[in-house]
């Protein structure tokens, strides 16, 4: 049974053959003159063409596998109204830290440092409908980064639930005002 080769392996072989072909062409040009139809040159060219086709086909297969794997990632389920209300009060009271606490200009490079599971995960394994990432402040580690807590765990809300929770936080803030201890 033949071992499955990666695109990297095929690309390395293709590059090696291309270099060999260039060297062979130079040698045959020096020996035979400008004869591009020498059997060795034709053979090398056909081998490179076959490898290019194999490389292209394998790359297409890898892209398809990645997109299929992405489709198999389950969507985040919705939470109950009671859970959403508890989250909203937790965010309002400062007991829950979310990705929305990070300045929008810093989110891209800070998110993985604050929620460490993101730094160590493959983006294709994350659900495509993430609306908010959060964690209870009590779960924060001992050391923070740039004044933010760090978490070795995280929870996620889908987009619809995140919109509902932050609407509830806004309503709670309008009703009770900004907490004094924040």
Foldseek 3Di string as FASTA:
>chain_A
DDDDDALVVLVVVLVVLVVVLVVVCVVCCVVVNNDCPPPVNVVSVVVSVVSVVVSVVRVVVVVVVLVVLLVPQDADDADDPVVLLVVLVCVLVVQKDKLVVDDPVCSVPCVCQAAVVVVVDDVSNDHPFFQMKMDGPVQFDPDPDPPHTHHPHIDTHGNVSNVVSVVSNVVVCVVPNRDPVD
